[in-house]
Amino acid sequence: QGQLVESGGGSVQAGGSLRLSCAASGYTFSSYCMSWFRQAPGKEREGVAAIDSDGSASYADSVKGRFTISQDNAKSTLDLQMNSLKPEDTAMYYCAAFYPSCADYAYDFWGQGTQVTVSS
């Protein structure tokens, strides 16, 4: 099973930016759907953005136009550029891998998460 390690979280004021990174190892990175999820206290975990194994990207409506997901297959890294951050973006952010695709996967694994806090 592969390993995912997130970094880049922190505290920022509303309107600011953060860039999250996920370092992957132990599996064929480019063959997996790679995703970012988040979970705020008292709320269910939600998908934020994903790049499927065919290279297509998708975003939650709440982050469209503000967040950009990207991956570097040579470095096995997944990034999430977050701009125009809002207090409601405050959550623990998780990197996740799904095989063979985002919607129809046989197995998955997750990182431990990185905290993002946006103050008003």
N, C-alpha and C. Protein backbone atom coordinates (compact mmCIF):
# COMPACT_ATOMS: atom_id res chain seq x y z
N GLN A 1 0.84 -1.19 0.00
CA GLN A 1 0.00 0.00 0.00
C GLN A 1 0.87 1.24 0.00
N GLY A 2 0.40 2.25 -0.70
CA GLY A 2 1.16 3.48 -0.80
C GLY A 2 1.05 4.35 0.42
N GLN A 3 1.82 5.43 0.38
CA GLN A 3 1.83 6.38 1.48
C GLN A 3 1.62 7.78 0.94
N LEU A 4 0.84 8.58 1.67
CA LEU A 4 0.56 9.96 1.29
C LEU A 4 0.89 10.86 2.48
N VAL A 5 1.63 11.92 2.23
CA VAL A 5 2.00 12.85 3.29
C VAL A 5 1.68 14.27 2.83
N GLU A 6 0.75 14.91 3.56
CA GLU A 6 0.34 16.27 3.22
C GLU A 6 1.21 17.30 3.93
N SER A 7 1.31 18.47 3.32
CA SER A 7 2.02 19.59 3.94
C SER A 7 1.44 20.89 3.39
N GLY A 8 1.78 22.00 4.03
CA GLY A 8 1.39 23.29 3.51
C GLY A 8 0.22 23.96 4.20
N GLY A 9 -0.40 23.27 5.14
CA GLY A 9 -1.50 23.89 5.86
C GLY A 9 -1.01 25.01 6.76
N GLY A 10 -1.95 25.76 7.32
CA GLY A 10 -1.59 26.85 8.22
C GLY A 10 -2.76 27.77 8.46
N SER A 11 -2.48 28.92 9.00
CA SER A 11 -3.50 29.92 9.30
C SER A 11 -3.32 31.11 8.39
N VAL A 12 -4.42 31.61 7.89
CA VAL A 12 -4.39 32.74 6.97
C VAL A 12 -5.66 33.56 7.15
N GLN A 13 -5.58 34.82 6.81
CA GLN A 13 -6.77 35.66 6.87
C GLN A 13 -7.62 35.47 5.62
N ALA A 14 -8.88 35.77 5.76
CA ALA A 14 -9.80 35.68 4.63
C ALA A 14 -9.27 36.50 3.45
N GLY A 15 -9.38 35.90 2.28
CA GLY A 15 -8.85 36.54 1.08
C GLY A 15 -7.45 36.11 0.73
N GLY A 16 -6.80 35.43 1.66
CA GLY A 16 -5.43 34.99 1.44
C GLY A 16 -5.35 33.69 0.67
N SER A 17 -4.12 33.19 0.53
CA SER A 17 -3.86 31.99 -0.25
C SER A 17 -2.99 31.02 0.53
N LEU A 18 -3.16 29.75 0.20
CA LEU A 18 -2.30 28.68 0.71
C LEU A 18 -2.13 27.67 -0.40
N ARG A 19 -1.01 26.96 -0.35
CA ARG A 19 -0.78 25.87 -1.30
C ARG A 19 -0.49 24.61 -0.52
N LEU A 20 -1.33 23.63 -0.70
CA LEU A 20 -1.15 22.33 -0.06
C LEU A 20 -0.41 21.40 -1.01
N SER A 21 0.40 20.54 -0.45
CA SER A 21 1.11 19.54 -1.25
C SER A 21 0.92 18.17 -0.63
N CYS A 22 0.93 17.17 -1.47
CA CYS A 22 0.81 15.79 -1.04
C CYS A 22 1.92 15.00 -1.72
N ALA A 23 2.80 14.42 -0.94
CA ALA A 23 3.89 13.61 -1.47
C ALA A 23 3.48 12.15 -1.42
N ALA A 24 3.50 11.49 -2.56
CA ALA A 24 3.07 10.10 -2.67
C ALA A 24 4.27 9.18 -2.86
N SER A 25 4.16 7.98 -2.34
CA SER A 25 5.22 7.01 -2.51
C SER A 25 4.66 5.60 -2.41
N GLY A 26 5.38 4.64 -2.99
CA GLY A 26 5.03 3.24 -2.83
C GLY A 26 4.01 2.68 -3.79
N TYR A 27 3.64 3.44 -4.81
CA TYR A 27 2.68 2.94 -5.79
C TYR A 27 2.84 3.73 -7.09
N THR A 28 2.15 3.28 -8.13
CA THR A 28 2.24 3.95 -9.43
C THR A 28 1.31 5.16 -9.43
N PHE A 29 1.87 6.29 -9.11
CA PHE A 29 1.11 7.52 -8.87
C PHE A 29 0.16 7.86 -10.01
N SER A 30 0.64 7.80 -11.23
CA SER A 30 -0.14 8.26 -12.38
C SER A 30 -1.32 7.35 -12.70
N SER A 31 -1.38 6.17 -12.12
CA SER A 31 -2.46 5.22 -12.40
C SER A 31 -3.67 5.41 -11.49
N TYR A 32 -3.57 6.32 -10.56
CA TYR A 32 -4.61 6.51 -9.56
C TYR A 32 -5.35 7.83 -9.75
N CYS A 33 -6.60 7.83 -9.30
CA CYS A 33 -7.31 9.08 -9.10
C CYS A 33 -6.73 9.70 -7.83
N MET A 34 -6.34 10.97 -7.91
CA MET A 34 -5.80 11.67 -6.75
C MET A 34 -6.75 12.79 -6.36
N SER A 35 -7.06 12.88 -5.08
CA SER A 35 -8.11 13.79 -4.63
C SER A 35 -7.71 14.54 -3.38
N TRP A 36 -8.37 15.66 -3.18
CA TRP A 36 -8.32 16.39 -1.91
C TRP A 36 -9.72 16.38 -1.31
N PHE A 37 -9.78 16.04 -0.03
CA PHE A 37 -11.00 16.09 0.74
C PHE A 37 -10.77 17.03 1.92
N ARG A 38 -11.85 17.42 2.56
CA ARG A 38 -11.73 18.22 3.78
C ARG A 38 -12.85 17.86 4.74
N GLN A 39 -12.57 18.09 6.00
CA GLN A 39 -13.58 17.85 7.04
C GLN A 39 -13.46 18.92 8.10
N ALA A 40 -14.54 19.66 8.27
CA ALA A 40 -14.60 20.68 9.30
C ALA A 40 -15.22 20.08 10.56
N PRO A 41 -14.94 20.65 11.72
CA PRO A 41 -15.51 20.12 12.97
C PRO A 41 -17.03 20.05 12.90
N GLY A 42 -17.56 18.89 13.24
CA GLY A 42 -19.01 18.73 13.26
C GLY A 42 -19.65 18.54 11.92
N LYS A 43 -18.85 18.46 10.87
CA LYS A 43 -19.39 18.30 9.52
C LYS A 43 -18.86 17.03 8.88
N GLU A 44 -19.57 16.58 7.85
CA GLU A 44 -19.13 15.40 7.12
C GLU A 44 -17.95 15.75 6.21
N ARG A 45 -17.14 14.72 5.94
CA ARG A 45 -16.05 14.91 5.01
C ARG A 45 -16.61 15.16 3.61
N GLU A 46 -15.98 16.08 2.89
CA GLU A 46 -16.45 16.39 1.54
C GLU A 46 -15.29 16.43 0.56
N GLY A 47 -15.59 16.05 -0.66
CA GLY A 47 -14.59 16.13 -1.71
C GLY A 47 -14.40 17.56 -2.14
N VAL A 48 -13.15 17.97 -2.35
CA VAL A 48 -12.83 19.33 -2.74
C VAL A 48 -12.44 19.38 -4.22
N ALA A 49 -11.52 18.53 -4.60
CA ALA A 49 -11.04 18.51 -5.98
C ALA A 49 -10.38 17.16 -6.25
N ALA A 50 -10.36 16.80 -7.53
CA ALA A 50 -9.76 15.52 -7.90
C ALA A 50 -9.20 15.57 -9.30
N ILE A 51 -8.16 14.78 -9.53
CA ILE A 51 -7.66 14.52 -10.88
C ILE A 51 -7.78 13.02 -11.09
N ASP A 52 -8.60 12.63 -12.05
CA ASP A 52 -8.85 11.22 -12.26
C ASP A 52 -7.68 10.60 -13.02
N SER A 53 -7.70 9.27 -13.10
CA SER A 53 -6.60 8.55 -13.74
C SER A 53 -6.49 8.87 -15.23
N ASP A 54 -7.56 9.45 -15.81
CA ASP A 54 -7.49 9.85 -17.22
C ASP A 54 -7.03 11.30 -17.38
N GLY A 55 -6.71 11.96 -16.25
CA GLY A 55 -6.21 13.33 -16.28
C GLY A 55 -7.26 14.40 -16.12
N SER A 56 -8.51 14.05 -16.09
CA SER A 56 -9.58 15.04 -15.97
C SER A 56 -9.68 15.54 -14.53
N ALA A 57 -9.92 16.83 -14.40
CA ALA A 57 -10.02 17.46 -13.09
C ALA A 57 -11.46 17.83 -12.78
N SER A 58 -11.80 17.80 -11.52
CA SER A 58 -13.14 18.20 -11.09
C SER A 58 -13.04 18.91 -9.75
N TYR A 59 -14.03 19.75 -9.48
CA TYR A 59 -14.03 20.58 -8.28
C TYR A 59 -15.41 20.60 -7.65
N ALA A 60 -15.44 20.76 -6.36
CA ALA A 60 -16.70 21.03 -5.67
C ALA A 60 -17.15 22.43 -6.07
N ASP A 61 -18.46 22.63 -6.13
CA ASP A 61 -18.99 23.94 -6.52
C ASP A 61 -18.49 25.04 -5.60
N SER A 62 -18.31 24.72 -4.34
CA SER A 62 -17.92 25.72 -3.35
C SER A 62 -16.51 26.26 -3.55
N VAL A 63 -15.69 25.58 -4.35
CA VAL A 63 -14.30 26.01 -4.53
C VAL A 63 -13.97 26.35 -5.97
N LYS A 64 -14.90 26.13 -6.88
CA LYS A 64 -14.64 26.42 -8.30
C LYS A 64 -14.24 27.88 -8.48
N GLY A 65 -13.20 28.08 -9.27
CA GLY A 65 -12.72 29.42 -9.53
C GLY A 65 -11.76 29.95 -8.48
N ARG A 66 -11.65 29.25 -7.35
CA ARG A 66 -10.73 29.69 -6.29
C ARG A 66 -9.59 28.70 -6.06
N PHE A 67 -9.89 27.42 -6.22
CA PHE A 67 -8.90 26.37 -5.98
C PHE A 67 -8.47 25.75 -7.30
N THR A 68 -7.21 25.34 -7.36
CA THR A 68 -6.70 24.64 -8.54
C THR A 68 -5.91 23.42 -8.11
N ILE A 69 -6.28 22.27 -8.63
CA ILE A 69 -5.57 21.04 -8.33
C ILE A 69 -4.59 20.74 -9.46
N SER A 70 -3.43 20.22 -9.10
CA SER A 70 -2.44 19.86 -10.11
C SER A 70 -1.60 18.71 -9.61
N GLN A 71 -1.01 17.98 -10.52
CA GLN A 71 -0.14 16.88 -10.11
C GLN A 71 1.10 16.84 -10.99
N ASP A 72 2.17 16.36 -10.40
CA ASP A 72 3.43 16.18 -11.11
C ASP A 72 3.77 14.70 -11.06
N ASN A 73 3.55 14.01 -12.17
CA ASN A 73 3.77 12.56 -12.17
C ASN A 73 5.24 12.19 -12.00
N ALA A 74 6.13 13.05 -12.47
CA ALA A 74 7.56 12.77 -12.34
C ALA A 74 8.00 12.81 -10.88
N LYS A 75 7.38 13.71 -10.11
CA LYS A 75 7.74 13.86 -8.70
C LYS A 75 6.77 13.14 -7.76
N SER A 76 5.68 12.61 -8.32
CA SER A 76 4.64 11.96 -7.52
C SER A 76 4.10 12.89 -6.44
N THR A 77 3.74 14.07 -6.87
CA THR A 77 3.17 15.04 -5.94
C THR A 77 1.83 15.57 -6.46
N LEU A 78 0.98 15.88 -5.52
CA LEU A 78 -0.33 16.46 -5.82
C LEU A 78 -0.44 17.77 -5.05
N ASP A 79 -0.82 18.83 -5.72
CA ASP A 79 -0.92 20.13 -5.08
C ASP A 79 -2.35 20.67 -5.14
N LEU A 80 -2.65 21.55 -4.22
CA LEU A 80 -3.91 22.27 -4.23
C LEU A 80 -3.62 23.73 -3.94
N GLN A 81 -3.74 24.56 -4.94
CA GLN A 81 -3.58 25.99 -4.77
C GLN A 81 -4.91 26.58 -4.38
N MET A 82 -4.94 27.23 -3.23
CA MET A 82 -6.18 27.77 -2.70
C MET A 82 -6.07 29.28 -2.61
N ASN A 83 -6.88 29.97 -3.37
CA ASN A 83 -6.90 31.43 -3.38
C ASN A 83 -8.23 31.94 -2.87
N SER A 84 -8.26 33.22 -2.54
CA SER A 84 -9.49 33.87 -2.05
C SER A 84 -10.15 33.04 -0.95
N LEU A 85 -9.35 32.63 0.00
CA LEU A 85 -9.85 31.75 1.06
C LEU A 85 -10.91 32.43 1.91
N LYS A 86 -11.85 31.63 2.36
CA LYS A 86 -12.96 32.09 3.17
C LYS A 86 -12.95 31.36 4.51
N PRO A 87 -13.53 31.94 5.54
CA PRO A 87 -13.60 31.23 6.83
C PRO A 87 -14.23 29.85 6.71
N GLU A 88 -15.17 29.69 5.81
CA GLU A 88 -15.82 28.38 5.65
C GLU A 88 -14.92 27.34 4.98
N ASP A 89 -13.74 27.75 4.54
CA ASP A 89 -12.76 26.79 4.03
C ASP A 89 -11.96 26.14 5.16
N THR A 90 -12.15 26.63 6.38
CA THR A 90 -11.43 26.07 7.52
C THR A 90 -11.80 24.61 7.71
N ALA A 91 -10.79 23.76 7.73
CA ALA A 91 -11.01 22.31 7.84
C ALA A 91 -9.67 21.59 7.88
N MET A 92 -9.74 20.32 8.19
CA MET A 92 -8.60 19.44 7.98
C MET A 92 -8.68 18.96 6.54
N TYR A 93 -7.59 19.10 5.82
CA TYR A 93 -7.54 18.71 4.40
C TYR A 93 -6.75 17.42 4.26
N TYR A 94 -7.33 16.49 3.50
CA TYR A 94 -6.73 15.18 3.32
C TYR A 94 -6.46 14.91 1.84
N CYS A 95 -5.35 14.29 1.59
CA CYS A 95 -5.01 13.78 0.27
C CYS A 95 -5.44 12.31 0.23
N ALA A 96 -6.01 11.88 -0.89
CA ALA A 96 -6.46 10.50 -1.00
C ALA A 96 -6.21 9.96 -2.40
N ALA A 97 -5.97 8.67 -2.48
CA ALA A 97 -5.72 8.00 -3.75
C ALA A 97 -6.74 6.88 -3.94
N PHE A 98 -7.27 6.77 -5.14
CA PHE A 98 -8.28 5.76 -5.45
C PHE A 98 -7.86 5.02 -6.71
N TYR A 99 -8.07 3.68 -6.67
CA TYR A 99 -7.73 2.87 -7.85
C TYR A 99 -8.89 2.00 -8.25
N PRO A 100 -9.26 1.97 -9.55
CA PRO A 100 -8.56 2.59 -10.67
C PRO A 100 -9.09 3.98 -11.05
N SER A 101 -10.21 4.41 -10.46
CA SER A 101 -10.74 5.73 -10.81
C SER A 101 -11.45 6.33 -9.61
N CYS A 102 -11.76 7.62 -9.71
CA CYS A 102 -12.40 8.34 -8.61
C CYS A 102 -13.76 7.74 -8.26
N ALA A 103 -14.56 7.46 -9.29
CA ALA A 103 -15.95 7.05 -9.04
C ALA A 103 -16.10 5.56 -8.81
N ASP A 104 -15.22 4.77 -9.36
CA ASP A 104 -15.34 3.32 -9.30
C ASP A 104 -14.00 2.75 -8.86
N TYR A 105 -13.82 2.65 -7.56
CA TYR A 105 -12.51 2.24 -7.08
C TYR A 105 -12.60 0.93 -6.30
N ALA A 106 -11.52 0.18 -6.42
CA ALA A 106 -11.42 -1.09 -5.71
C ALA A 106 -10.77 -0.91 -4.35
N TYR A 107 -9.86 0.04 -4.23
CA TYR A 107 -9.25 0.33 -2.95
C TYR A 107 -8.75 1.77 -2.93
N ASP A 108 -8.52 2.24 -1.73
CA ASP A 108 -8.12 3.63 -1.55
C ASP A 108 -7.23 3.73 -0.32
N PHE A 109 -6.47 4.79 -0.24
CA PHE A 109 -5.72 5.09 0.97
C PHE A 109 -5.58 6.60 1.11
N TRP A 110 -5.30 7.00 2.35
CA TRP A 110 -5.40 8.41 2.73
C TRP A 110 -4.17 8.87 3.50
N GLY A 111 -3.93 10.18 3.40
CA GLY A 111 -2.92 10.79 4.24
C GLY A 111 -3.50 11.13 5.59
N GLN A 112 -2.66 11.70 6.45
CA GLN A 112 -3.08 12.02 7.81
C GLN A 112 -3.71 13.39 7.93
N GLY A 113 -3.57 14.21 6.92
CA GLY A 113 -4.24 15.49 6.90
C GLY A 113 -3.35 16.66 7.30
N THR A 114 -3.77 17.85 6.85
CA THR A 114 -3.09 19.08 7.22
C THR A 114 -4.18 20.13 7.49
N GLN A 115 -4.01 20.87 8.57
CA GLN A 115 -5.04 21.80 9.01
C GLN A 115 -4.94 23.14 8.28
N VAL A 116 -6.09 23.62 7.83
CA VAL A 116 -6.20 24.95 7.23
C VAL A 116 -7.19 25.75 8.06
N THR A 117 -6.76 26.91 8.52
CA THR A 117 -7.61 27.78 9.32
C THR A 117 -7.65 29.16 8.67
N VAL A 118 -8.86 29.62 8.37
CA VAL A 118 -9.04 30.93 7.73
C VAL A 118 -9.82 31.83 8.69
N SER A 119 -9.23 32.92 9.07
CA SER A 119 -9.87 33.84 10.00
C SER A 119 -10.48 35.03 9.24
N SER A 120 -11.56 35.54 9.81
CA SER A 120 -12.26 36.66 9.15
C SER A 120 -11.69 37.99 9.57
